Protein backbone atom coordinates (compact mmCIF):
# COMPACT_ATOMS: atom_id res chain seq x y z
CA GLY A 1 32.03 -25.89 15.68
CA SER A 2 31.22 -23.42 18.39
CA THR A 3 32.53 -24.68 20.58
CA GLY A 4 35.88 -24.59 18.58
CA MET A 5 35.21 -20.84 18.55
CA VAL A 6 35.02 -20.75 21.84
CA LEU A 7 37.98 -22.78 22.69
CA GLY A 8 40.34 -20.97 19.36
CA SER A 9 39.57 -17.71 21.10
CA LEU A 10 41.06 -18.56 23.96
CA LEU A 11 43.86 -20.89 22.79
CA GLY A 12 44.66 -18.53 20.36
CA GLY A 13 45.32 -15.76 22.39
CA VAL A 14 47.69 -17.73 24.54
CA LEU A 15 49.51 -18.80 21.37
CA ALA A 16 49.82 -15.54 19.78
CA GLY A 17 50.93 -13.98 23.22
CA ALA A 18 53.69 -16.38 23.68
CA LEU A 19 55.00 -17.78 20.89
CA GLY A 20 53.66 -15.07 18.09
CA TRP A 21 51.10 -14.81 15.48
CA GLY A 22 52.33 -16.87 13.35
CA SER A 23 51.55 -20.05 15.92
CA VAL A 24 48.07 -19.95 15.03
CA PHE A 25 48.71 -21.53 11.92
CA PHE A 26 51.10 -24.24 12.76
CA VAL A 27 48.79 -25.26 15.70
CA ASN A 28 46.69 -26.47 12.30
CA VAL A 29 48.83 -29.25 11.71
CA PRO A 30 48.87 -31.65 14.53
CA LEU A 31 45.01 -31.08 14.52
CA GLY A 32 44.47 -31.50 11.15
CA LEU A 33 46.57 -35.22 11.49
CA ILE A 34 44.28 -35.81 14.05
CA GLY A 35 41.34 -35.51 12.55
CA ALA A 36 42.85 -37.47 9.47
CA GLY A 37 43.82 -39.99 11.76
CA ALA A 38 40.45 -40.39 13.32
CA ALA A 39 38.17 -40.19 10.31
CA PHE A 40 39.90 -43.81 9.74
CA PHE A 41 38.30 -45.27 12.97
CA PHE A 42 34.97 -43.13 12.88
CA LEU A 43 34.01 -43.22 9.41
CA PRO A 44 32.06 -45.88 7.69
CA ALA A 45 34.15 -47.50 4.82
CA ASP A 46 33.48 -46.56 1.33
CA GLN A 47 31.17 -48.69 -0.58
CA PRO A 48 32.17 -50.26 -4.13
CA SER A 49 30.33 -47.66 -6.57
CA THR A 50 28.88 -49.23 -10.19
CA ALA A 51 29.10 -45.35 -11.61
CA LYS A 52 31.78 -44.37 -14.18
CA THR A 53 32.18 -41.13 -13.02
CA ARG A 54 35.81 -39.55 -12.11
CA LEU A 55 36.31 -36.33 -10.38
CA ASP A 56 36.38 -33.05 -11.93
CA ILE A 57 39.80 -32.13 -11.90
CA PRO A 58 40.21 -29.22 -14.21
CA GLY A 59 36.85 -27.45 -12.71
CA ALA A 60 38.59 -28.06 -9.06
CA VAL A 61 41.91 -26.39 -10.29
CA THR A 62 39.72 -23.40 -12.28
CA SER A 63 38.03 -22.50 -10.03
CA THR A 64 40.36 -22.63 -6.73
CA ALA A 65 42.53 -20.71 -8.99
CA GLY A 66 40.44 -18.40 -10.28
CA ILE A 67 39.06 -17.45 -6.91
CA LEU A 68 42.47 -17.39 -5.32
CA ALA A 69 43.44 -14.89 -7.81
CA ILE A 70 40.68 -12.40 -7.53
CA VAL A 71 40.79 -12.25 -3.94
CA TYR A 72 44.76 -12.09 -3.68
CA GLY A 73 44.59 -8.92 -6.32
CA MET A 74 41.75 -7.65 -3.83
CA VAL A 75 44.31 -8.08 -0.90
CA GLN A 76 46.67 -6.17 -3.27
CA ALA A 77 44.81 -3.07 -4.18
CA PRO A 78 44.98 -1.49 -0.72
CA GLU A 79 48.53 -1.48 -0.65
CA ILE A 80 49.76 -1.21 -4.78
CA GLY A 81 46.35 0.70 -5.94
CA TRP A 82 43.94 -0.54 -8.16
CA ALA A 83 45.57 0.22 -11.40
CA ALA A 84 49.06 -1.47 -10.62
CA PRO A 85 50.03 -4.62 -12.85
CA GLY A 86 49.87 -6.55 -9.49
CA THR A 87 46.49 -5.75 -8.70
CA LEU A 88 44.88 -5.90 -12.35
CA LEU A 89 46.85 -8.69 -13.79
CA PRO A 90 45.45 -11.44 -10.49
CA LEU A 91 41.62 -10.01 -11.48
CA LEU A 92 41.88 -10.46 -14.91
CA ALA A 93 43.86 -13.78 -14.61
CA GLY A 94 40.80 -14.56 -12.48
CA ILE A 95 37.73 -13.55 -14.48
CA ILE A 96 39.27 -15.35 -17.17
CA LEU A 97 39.61 -19.16 -14.89
CA LEU A 98 35.78 -18.61 -13.75
CA VAL A 99 34.92 -18.13 -17.26
CA LEU A 100 36.86 -21.11 -18.14
CA PHE A 101 35.30 -23.19 -14.86
CA VAL A 102 31.98 -22.25 -16.30
CA ALA A 103 32.60 -23.97 -19.87
CA ILE A 104 34.01 -26.95 -18.15
CA GLU A 105 31.23 -27.38 -16.06
CA ARG A 106 29.02 -27.09 -18.93
CA ARG A 107 30.52 -29.49 -21.13
CA VAL A 108 32.07 -32.23 -18.59
CA ALA A 109 30.12 -35.47 -18.09
CA SER A 110 30.35 -35.53 -13.82
CA PRO A 111 30.51 -31.75 -13.16
CA LEU A 112 32.05 -30.27 -9.82
CA VAL A 113 29.32 -28.33 -9.94
CA PRO A 114 26.60 -28.90 -11.69
CA LEU A 115 25.08 -25.77 -13.13
CA ALA A 116 21.44 -27.06 -13.45
CA LEU A 117 21.48 -26.94 -9.66
CA PHE A 118 20.83 -23.29 -9.64
CA SER A 119 17.57 -23.25 -11.30
CA ASN A 120 16.86 -24.05 -7.60
CA ALA A 121 15.49 -20.91 -5.87
CA GLY A 122 15.85 -22.39 -2.45
CA LEU A 123 19.59 -23.48 -3.18
CA ARG A 124 20.05 -19.72 -5.03
CA THR A 125 18.76 -17.56 -2.10
CA GLY A 126 20.54 -19.89 0.67
CA THR A 127 23.93 -19.74 -1.30
CA ALA A 128 23.58 -15.68 -1.68
CA THR A 129 22.86 -16.11 2.43
CA THR A 130 26.01 -18.27 2.97
CA PHE A 131 28.20 -15.57 0.94
CA VAL A 132 26.87 -12.29 2.53
CA PHE A 133 26.91 -14.19 5.84
CA MET A 134 30.83 -14.50 6.04
CA ALA A 135 31.80 -11.43 4.13
CA SER A 136 29.44 -9.55 7.17
CA PHE A 137 29.27 -11.83 10.21
CA GLY A 138 32.86 -13.60 9.25
CA ALA A 139 34.63 -9.87 8.69
CA LEU A 140 33.67 -8.34 12.32
CA PRO A 141 36.40 -10.64 14.47
CA PHE A 142 38.94 -8.67 12.10
CA PHE A 143 38.04 -5.12 12.90
CA ILE A 144 37.23 -5.66 16.16
CA THR A 145 40.57 -7.63 16.81
CA ILE A 146 42.45 -4.59 15.17
CA TYR A 147 40.52 -2.07 17.44
CA LEU A 148 41.33 -4.03 20.50
CA GLN A 149 45.17 -4.59 20.01
CA GLN A 150 46.59 -1.69 17.74
CA ILE A 151 43.98 0.96 19.31
CA ALA A 152 42.53 0.52 22.80
CA HIS A 153 46.13 -1.83 23.11
CA VAL A 154 44.76 -4.76 24.80
CA ASP A 155 47.15 -7.79 24.44
CA PRO A 156 46.68 -11.06 22.71
CA LEU A 157 45.95 -12.98 25.83
CA ALA A 158 43.14 -10.59 26.76
CA THR A 159 41.95 -9.98 23.46
CA GLY A 160 41.31 -13.64 23.07
CA LEU A 161 39.53 -13.94 26.73
CA ILE A 162 37.21 -10.88 25.30
CA PHE A 163 36.06 -13.15 22.25
CA MET A 164 35.21 -16.15 24.22
CA LEU A 165 31.85 -14.37 25.25
CA PRO A 166 30.59 -14.09 21.82
CA SER A 167 31.90 -17.31 20.66
CA ALA A 168 29.97 -18.43 23.24
CA CYS A 169 26.88 -16.69 22.16
CA VAL A 170 27.12 -17.93 18.45
CA LEU A 171 26.80 -21.64 20.12
CA LEU A 172 23.69 -20.34 21.94
CA GLY A 173 22.17 -18.43 18.73
CA THR A 174 22.45 -21.78 16.79
CA MET A 175 20.43 -23.58 19.54
CA ILE A 176 17.81 -20.87 19.50
CA GLY A 177 18.05 -20.35 15.35
CA GLY A 178 17.56 -24.65 15.81
CA ARG A 179 14.04 -24.20 18.36
CA LEU A 180 12.61 -20.91 16.08
CA SER A 181 12.69 -23.20 12.77
CA ASN A 182 10.24 -25.40 14.50
CA ILE A 183 7.51 -22.70 15.06
CA TRP A 184 8.73 -20.16 12.83
CA SER A 185 8.76 -19.41 8.80
CA SER A 186 12.69 -19.36 7.95
CA ARG A 187 12.03 -16.08 6.30
CA ARG A 188 11.12 -14.30 9.18
CA ILE A 189 13.90 -15.70 11.80
CA LEU A 190 16.58 -14.63 8.99
CA ALA A 191 14.97 -11.05 8.89
CA LEU A 192 14.91 -10.77 12.53
CA ALA A 193 18.71 -12.15 13.44
CA TRP A 194 19.35 -9.72 10.26
CA SER A 195 17.81 -6.99 12.14
CA VAL A 196 19.45 -7.52 15.34
CA GLY A 197 22.57 -8.24 13.92
CA ALA A 198 22.75 -4.96 11.83
CA VAL A 199 21.74 -2.70 15.50
CA GLY A 200 24.18 -4.67 17.16
CA THR A 201 26.84 -4.17 14.79
CA ILE A 202 26.13 -0.23 14.59
CA LEU A 203 25.95 0.17 18.63
CA THR A 204 29.51 -1.72 19.12
CA GLY A 205 30.79 0.66 16.29
CA ILE A 206 29.54 3.56 18.02
CA VAL A 207 31.64 2.59 21.31
CA MET A 208 34.95 1.44 19.14
CA ALA A 209 34.08 5.03 17.64
CA ALA A 210 33.93 7.09 20.62
CA ARG A 211 37.07 4.66 22.13
CA GLY A 212 34.58 3.72 25.04
CA PRO A 213 35.16 1.42 27.53
CA VAL A 214 35.57 -1.94 26.15
CA LEU A 215 32.91 -3.94 28.90
CA LEU A 216 30.35 -1.18 27.14
CA GLY A 217 31.02 -2.74 24.14
CA ALA A 218 30.62 -6.09 24.96
CA LEU A 219 26.85 -6.37 25.33
CA PRO A 220 25.93 -5.22 21.89
CA PHE A 221 28.72 -7.96 20.38
CA ALA A 222 26.99 -10.16 22.25
CA VAL A 223 24.07 -9.76 21.04
CA LEU A 224 24.63 -9.69 17.03
CA SER A 225 26.62 -12.67 18.12
CA LEU A 226 23.10 -14.15 18.81
CA ALA A 227 22.06 -13.50 15.80
CA GLN A 228 24.84 -14.61 13.67
CA GLY A 229 24.56 -18.06 15.42
CA VAL A 230 20.64 -17.85 14.35
CA VAL A 231 21.77 -16.59 10.83
CA PHE A 232 23.97 -19.83 10.89
CA THR A 233 21.69 -22.01 11.24
CA VAL A 234 19.01 -21.12 9.20
CA MET A 235 20.89 -20.49 6.13
CA TYR A 236 21.83 -24.09 5.58
CA SER A 237 18.17 -24.97 5.90
CA VAL A 238 17.29 -22.51 2.94
CA ALA A 239 19.84 -23.76 0.89
CA THR A 240 19.34 -27.07 1.42
CA ALA A 241 15.38 -28.17 2.18
CA GLU A 242 14.19 -28.09 -1.40
CA ILE A 243 17.20 -29.98 -3.24
CA PRO A 244 16.43 -34.01 -3.79
CA ALA A 245 18.09 -36.40 -1.76
CA ALA A 246 20.69 -37.42 -4.64
CA ASP A 247 21.94 -33.92 -5.01
CA GLN A 248 22.17 -33.20 -1.03
CA GLY A 249 26.06 -33.36 -0.43
CA VAL A 250 26.82 -31.27 -3.62
CA GLY A 251 23.80 -28.92 -2.39
CA SER A 252 25.20 -28.23 1.07
CA GLY A 253 28.90 -28.14 -0.94
CA ILE A 254 28.08 -25.19 -3.15
CA ALA A 255 26.04 -23.28 -0.18
CA THR A 256 29.49 -23.87 2.19
CA SER A 257 31.73 -22.83 -1.16
CA GLY A 258 29.68 -19.68 -1.06
CA GLN A 259 30.25 -19.09 2.69
CA GLN A 260 34.03 -19.55 2.20
CA ILE A 261 34.06 -17.38 -0.68
CA GLY A 262 32.38 -14.65 0.78
CA GLY A 263 34.58 -14.62 3.79
CA ALA A 264 37.38 -14.27 1.75
CA VAL A 265 35.69 -11.79 -1.19
CA GLY A 266 33.94 -9.85 2.01
CA LEU A 267 36.81 -9.01 3.98
CA ALA A 268 39.26 -8.18 0.99
CA VAL A 269 36.53 -5.57 -0.11
CA LEU A 270 35.76 -4.17 3.14
CA VAL A 271 39.69 -3.66 4.06
CA ALA A 272 40.31 -1.86 0.30
CA ALA A 273 36.77 0.15 1.43
CA ALA A 274 38.04 1.04 4.76
CA THR A 275 41.96 2.08 4.02
CA ALA A 276 40.04 4.02 0.85
CA ALA A 277 37.80 5.73 3.40
CA GLY A 278 39.77 6.42 6.21
CA HIS A 279 42.91 7.54 4.28
CA THR A 280 45.07 4.90 5.86
CA THR A 281 47.52 1.89 4.49
CA VAL A 282 47.32 -1.77 6.31
CA GLY A 283 50.35 -1.54 7.77
CA ALA A 284 49.12 1.97 9.77
CA LEU A 285 45.45 1.43 10.84
CA THR A 286 43.68 3.85 12.35
CA LEU A 287 40.16 4.67 14.15
CA ASP A 288 38.77 5.48 11.15
CA PHE A 289 39.96 2.05 9.66
CA THR A 290 37.94 -0.05 11.98
CA THR A 291 35.30 2.77 11.81
CA ALA A 292 34.77 2.53 8.08
CA GLY A 293 35.28 -1.36 8.28
CA MET A 294 32.16 -1.56 10.74
CA ALA A 295 30.00 0.52 8.86
CA GLY A 296 30.44 -1.52 5.37
CA ILE A 297 29.67 -4.82 7.71
CA VAL A 298 26.33 -2.69 8.43
CA VAL A 299 25.39 -2.31 4.73
CA LEU A 300 26.12 -6.05 3.84
CA LEU A 301 24.02 -7.05 7.01
CA LEU A 302 21.42 -4.74 5.56
CA LEU A 303 22.08 -6.76 2.23
CA GLY A 304 21.42 -9.81 4.03
CA LEU A 305 17.91 -8.54 4.91
CA LEU A 306 16.99 -8.08 1.48
CA ILE A 307 18.32 -11.74 0.62
CA ALA A 308 15.89 -12.48 3.53
CA ALA A 309 12.89 -11.05 2.18
CA SER A 310 13.28 -13.49 -1.10
CA VAL A 311 13.33 -16.38 1.24
CA ARG A 312 9.99 -18.85 -0.07
CA SER A 313 7.82 -20.39 2.33
CA SER A 314 7.17 -23.60 2.20
CA ALA A 315 3.74 -23.67 0.27
CA GLN A 316 5.49 -21.67 -1.75
CA ALA A 317 8.54 -24.30 -2.54
CA ALA A 318 5.76 -27.11 -2.65
CA VAL A 319 3.94 -25.71 -5.78
CA GLU A 320 7.06 -24.43 -7.53
CA ALA A 321 9.34 -27.12 -7.11
CA PRO A 322 7.59 -29.54 -9.99
CA HIS A 323 8.25 -26.53 -12.61
CA GLU A 324 11.88 -26.12 -10.98
CA ASP A 325 12.50 -29.82 -11.69
CA ARG A 326 11.00 -30.02 -15.51
CA LYS A 327 13.62 -26.94 -15.67
CA ALA A 328 16.14 -28.42 -14.45
CA THR A 329 15.94 -31.64 -16.66
CA ALA A 330 15.69 -29.82 -19.65
CA VAL A 331 18.72 -28.24 -18.82
CA ASN A 332 20.20 -31.31 -18.01
């Protein structure tokens, strides 16, 4: 994944510069077809199952549509206002759909998301971490790209080249996170990584606000990217470490969903807050917009630090796991 980030940064700049920004969507079509075709050759065939279960289609539809409606409403708000029908109606529809989703999951025989799993403290903490991770670290490329191309007037190819360094640092950070997991607790690693990420973001934001040299901002950007890679590795370990083997697939799916939803909701909220704080619109982005966006990301990184403080040690998990298993059984 990190290697894909490095290549994508470069090739994305090439495509955007040569064919326009829309080309970065079309290139996913052949890549997706290659991935689908490769699955038939590299993935083992499905084994016949005796379990009489069906895919929870109502749950899938209501959850996806509900999240989509909420994100759409948040994206519309900076342009048309929070009180506009185009904002309020999608938000209301999204809330209703998500309430309906929870009701469906409580009653369906094979729920898409077994609600009993949320009695697991590790999964709750890990999913909260994945949500905040993508809402904060995941939003950085948006605001930094806006700054580079619309304020510093760096062309798309050069912007892609600039992003290769932090992308490579994310790759290095994932390996560092894996090594640290062998000697430190997850709480300690996450606390350090979130702190380094916050400091790096503050320094990057200061360089941007002062319109400093792009190369000057590259150093703190690289440092916070190392921290990003560390958090990425450890957060999934926290989310799934206490999940029973039979529920590992669902548990990791919940954590990954938290990451994807966090990216969509987090960016929508940050853009809305930045446009309000910067007294601008999405169509006329200014330095105040990027500065406010970076400040909002710092707040979210500090929230991640607070969540890290709630990560349990292995000893705590071992003591509390039997109680949580009985609790989950009772809920089921």
